[in-house]
Amino acid sequence: MTRETTIARALLVLVFAPAGGLFGKAVADAAQGREWWPWLVAALVWLVVSGLVSMAVSNRFDEHR
């Protein structure tokens, strides 16, 4: 496995694990009859922000090649 592949896998975990936890919290709160939408919004915001950061980092590395 190359160094880039290792970094990509680590970043994948760092992006999707928190989002999965937030989605899971939304589901758990919905099952208990509590407000679930703030957790869902937080998960979606996390995915959008981390995606934008990922694109910025990727573009930055492409400029230096």
N, C-alpha and C. Protein backbone atom coordinates (compact mmCIF):
# COMPACT_ATOMS: atom_id res chain seq x y z
N MET A 1 0.85 -1.17 0.00
CA MET A 1 0.00 0.00 0.00
C MET A 1 0.90 1.24 0.00
N THR A 2 0.58 2.18 -0.86
CA THR A 2 1.40 3.38 -0.96
C THR A 2 1.06 4.34 0.17
N ARG A 3 1.90 5.33 0.33
CA ARG A 3 1.67 6.33 1.37
C ARG A 3 0.38 7.12 1.11
N GLU A 4 0.13 7.46 -0.16
CA GLU A 4 -1.08 8.20 -0.50
C GLU A 4 -2.34 7.39 -0.18
N THR A 5 -2.29 6.08 -0.43
CA THR A 5 -3.43 5.23 -0.13
C THR A 5 -3.68 5.18 1.37
N THR A 6 -2.63 5.10 2.15
CA THR A 6 -2.76 5.07 3.61
C THR A 6 -3.38 6.36 4.12
N ILE A 7 -2.91 7.48 3.59
CA ILE A 7 -3.47 8.78 4.00
C ILE A 7 -4.92 8.89 3.57
N ALA A 8 -5.25 8.44 2.38
CA ALA A 8 -6.62 8.50 1.89
C ALA A 8 -7.56 7.67 2.76
N ARG A 9 -7.13 6.50 3.18
CA ARG A 9 -7.96 5.66 4.04
C ARG A 9 -8.17 6.30 5.41
N ALA A 10 -7.11 6.89 5.96
CA ALA A 10 -7.23 7.56 7.26
C ALA A 10 -8.19 8.74 7.17
N LEU A 11 -8.08 9.52 6.10
CA LEU A 11 -8.97 10.66 5.93
C LEU A 11 -10.42 10.21 5.72
N LEU A 12 -10.60 9.11 5.05
CA LEU A 12 -11.94 8.57 4.84
C LEU A 12 -12.60 8.26 6.18
N VAL A 13 -11.85 7.66 7.07
CA VAL A 13 -12.37 7.35 8.41
C VAL A 13 -12.65 8.63 9.18
N LEU A 14 -11.76 9.61 9.08
CA LEU A 14 -11.95 10.86 9.80
C LEU A 14 -13.14 11.66 9.30
N VAL A 15 -13.53 11.44 8.04
CA VAL A 15 -14.68 12.16 7.49
C VAL A 15 -15.99 11.43 7.78
N PHE A 16 -16.04 10.14 7.51
CA PHE A 16 -17.31 9.43 7.59
C PHE A 16 -17.66 8.90 8.98
N ALA A 17 -16.69 8.67 9.82
CA ALA A 17 -17.00 8.18 11.16
C ALA A 17 -17.79 9.21 11.98
N PRO A 18 -17.37 10.47 12.03
CA PRO A 18 -18.18 11.44 12.77
C PRO A 18 -19.58 11.64 12.16
N ALA A 19 -19.65 11.64 10.84
CA ALA A 19 -20.96 11.80 10.19
C ALA A 19 -21.87 10.62 10.53
N GLY A 20 -21.31 9.42 10.53
CA GLY A 20 -22.10 8.24 10.90
C GLY A 20 -22.57 8.31 12.34
N GLY A 21 -21.72 8.80 13.22
CA GLY A 21 -22.12 8.96 14.61
C GLY A 21 -23.24 9.97 14.78
N LEU A 22 -23.16 11.05 14.03
CA LEU A 22 -24.22 12.07 14.10
C LEU A 22 -25.53 11.55 13.53
N PHE A 23 -25.46 10.81 12.42
CA PHE A 23 -26.67 10.20 11.87
C PHE A 23 -27.26 9.18 12.86
N GLY A 24 -26.40 8.41 13.49
CA GLY A 24 -26.86 7.44 14.48
C GLY A 24 -27.54 8.11 15.65
N LYS A 25 -26.99 9.23 16.08
CA LYS A 25 -27.61 9.99 17.18
C LYS A 25 -28.99 10.51 16.76
N ALA A 26 -29.12 10.94 15.52
CA ALA A 26 -30.41 11.41 15.01
C ALA A 26 -31.43 10.28 15.03
N VAL A 27 -31.03 9.10 14.61
CA VAL A 27 -31.93 7.95 14.59
C VAL A 27 -32.33 7.56 16.02
N ALA A 28 -31.36 7.56 16.93
CA ALA A 28 -31.66 7.21 18.32
C ALA A 28 -32.62 8.21 18.95
N ASP A 29 -32.41 9.48 18.69
CA ASP A 29 -33.32 10.50 19.23
C ASP A 29 -34.71 10.38 18.62
N ALA A 30 -34.79 10.08 17.33
CA ALA A 30 -36.10 9.91 16.68
C ALA A 30 -36.83 8.71 17.27
N ALA A 31 -36.11 7.66 17.59
CA ALA A 31 -36.74 6.46 18.17
C ALA A 31 -37.28 6.75 19.56
N GLN A 32 -36.68 7.70 20.27
CA GLN A 32 -37.14 8.04 21.60
C GLN A 32 -38.15 9.18 21.60
N GLY A 33 -38.49 9.67 20.43
CA GLY A 33 -39.50 10.72 20.32
C GLY A 33 -38.96 12.11 20.59
N ARG A 34 -37.65 12.26 20.60
CA ARG A 34 -37.06 13.58 20.82
C ARG A 34 -36.74 14.22 19.47
N GLU A 35 -36.36 15.50 19.53
CA GLU A 35 -36.01 16.19 18.29
C GLU A 35 -34.74 15.59 17.70
N TRP A 36 -34.84 15.18 16.46
CA TRP A 36 -33.72 14.51 15.80
C TRP A 36 -33.08 15.36 14.73
N TRP A 37 -33.78 16.36 14.23
CA TRP A 37 -33.31 17.11 13.07
C TRP A 37 -32.01 17.89 13.32
N PRO A 38 -31.73 18.41 14.55
CA PRO A 38 -30.44 19.11 14.71
C PRO A 38 -29.23 18.20 14.46
N TRP A 39 -29.36 16.93 14.84
CA TRP A 39 -28.27 15.98 14.61
C TRP A 39 -28.11 15.69 13.13
N LEU A 40 -29.23 15.61 12.43
CA LEU A 40 -29.19 15.37 10.99
C LEU A 40 -28.55 16.56 10.27
N VAL A 41 -28.93 17.75 10.68
CA VAL A 41 -28.33 18.95 10.08
C VAL A 41 -26.83 18.99 10.37
N ALA A 42 -26.44 18.66 11.60
CA ALA A 42 -25.02 18.65 11.96
C ALA A 42 -24.25 17.65 11.11
N ALA A 43 -24.82 16.48 10.85
CA ALA A 43 -24.16 15.48 10.02
C ALA A 43 -24.00 15.98 8.58
N LEU A 44 -25.03 16.59 8.06
CA LEU A 44 -24.96 17.10 6.69
C LEU A 44 -23.95 18.25 6.58
N VAL A 45 -23.94 19.13 7.57
CA VAL A 45 -22.96 20.23 7.57
C VAL A 45 -21.55 19.66 7.65
N TRP A 46 -21.35 18.65 8.50
CA TRP A 46 -20.02 18.03 8.60
C TRP A 46 -19.57 17.47 7.26
N LEU A 47 -20.47 16.78 6.56
CA LEU A 47 -20.11 16.19 5.27
C LEU A 47 -19.79 17.27 4.23
N VAL A 48 -20.56 18.34 4.22
CA VAL A 48 -20.32 19.41 3.25
C VAL A 48 -19.00 20.12 3.55
N VAL A 49 -18.78 20.46 4.81
CA VAL A 49 -17.54 21.18 5.17
C VAL A 49 -16.32 20.29 4.92
N SER A 50 -16.38 19.05 5.33
CA SER A 50 -15.23 18.17 5.12
C SER A 50 -15.01 17.91 3.63
N GLY A 51 -16.07 17.87 2.85
CA GLY A 51 -15.93 17.72 1.40
C GLY A 51 -15.27 18.92 0.77
N LEU A 52 -15.64 20.12 1.23
CA LEU A 52 -15.01 21.33 0.71
C LEU A 52 -13.53 21.40 1.08
N VAL A 53 -13.22 21.01 2.31
CA VAL A 53 -11.82 20.98 2.73
C VAL A 53 -11.05 19.96 1.90
N SER A 54 -11.66 18.82 1.66
CA SER A 54 -11.01 17.78 0.86
C SER A 54 -10.72 18.28 -0.56
N MET A 55 -11.68 18.97 -1.14
CA MET A 55 -11.46 19.51 -2.49
C MET A 55 -10.35 20.55 -2.49
N ALA A 56 -10.32 21.40 -1.47
CA ALA A 56 -9.29 22.43 -1.40
C ALA A 56 -7.91 21.80 -1.26
N VAL A 57 -7.79 20.79 -0.42
CA VAL A 57 -6.50 20.12 -0.23
C VAL A 57 -6.09 19.40 -1.51
N SER A 58 -7.03 18.74 -2.14
CA SER A 58 -6.73 18.03 -3.38
C SER A 58 -6.26 18.99 -4.47
N ASN A 59 -6.95 20.11 -4.61
CA ASN A 59 -6.54 21.09 -5.61
C ASN A 59 -5.18 21.68 -5.30
N ARG A 60 -4.91 21.87 -4.04
CA ARG A 60 -3.60 22.43 -3.63
C ARG A 60 -2.47 21.45 -3.99
N PHE A 61 -2.69 20.15 -3.75
CA PHE A 61 -1.67 19.16 -4.09
C PHE A 61 -1.51 19.02 -5.60
N ASP A 62 -2.60 19.17 -6.34
CA ASP A 62 -2.51 19.07 -7.80
C ASP A 62 -1.71 20.23 -8.39
N GLU A 63 -1.78 21.41 -7.78
CA GLU A 63 -1.03 22.55 -8.28
C GLU A 63 0.47 22.37 -8.12
N HIS A 64 0.88 21.59 -7.13
CA HIS A 64 2.30 21.41 -6.86
C HIS A 64 2.91 20.22 -7.59
N ARG A 65 2.15 19.50 -8.37
CA ARG A 65 2.70 18.35 -9.10
C ARG A 65 3.33 18.76 -10.38
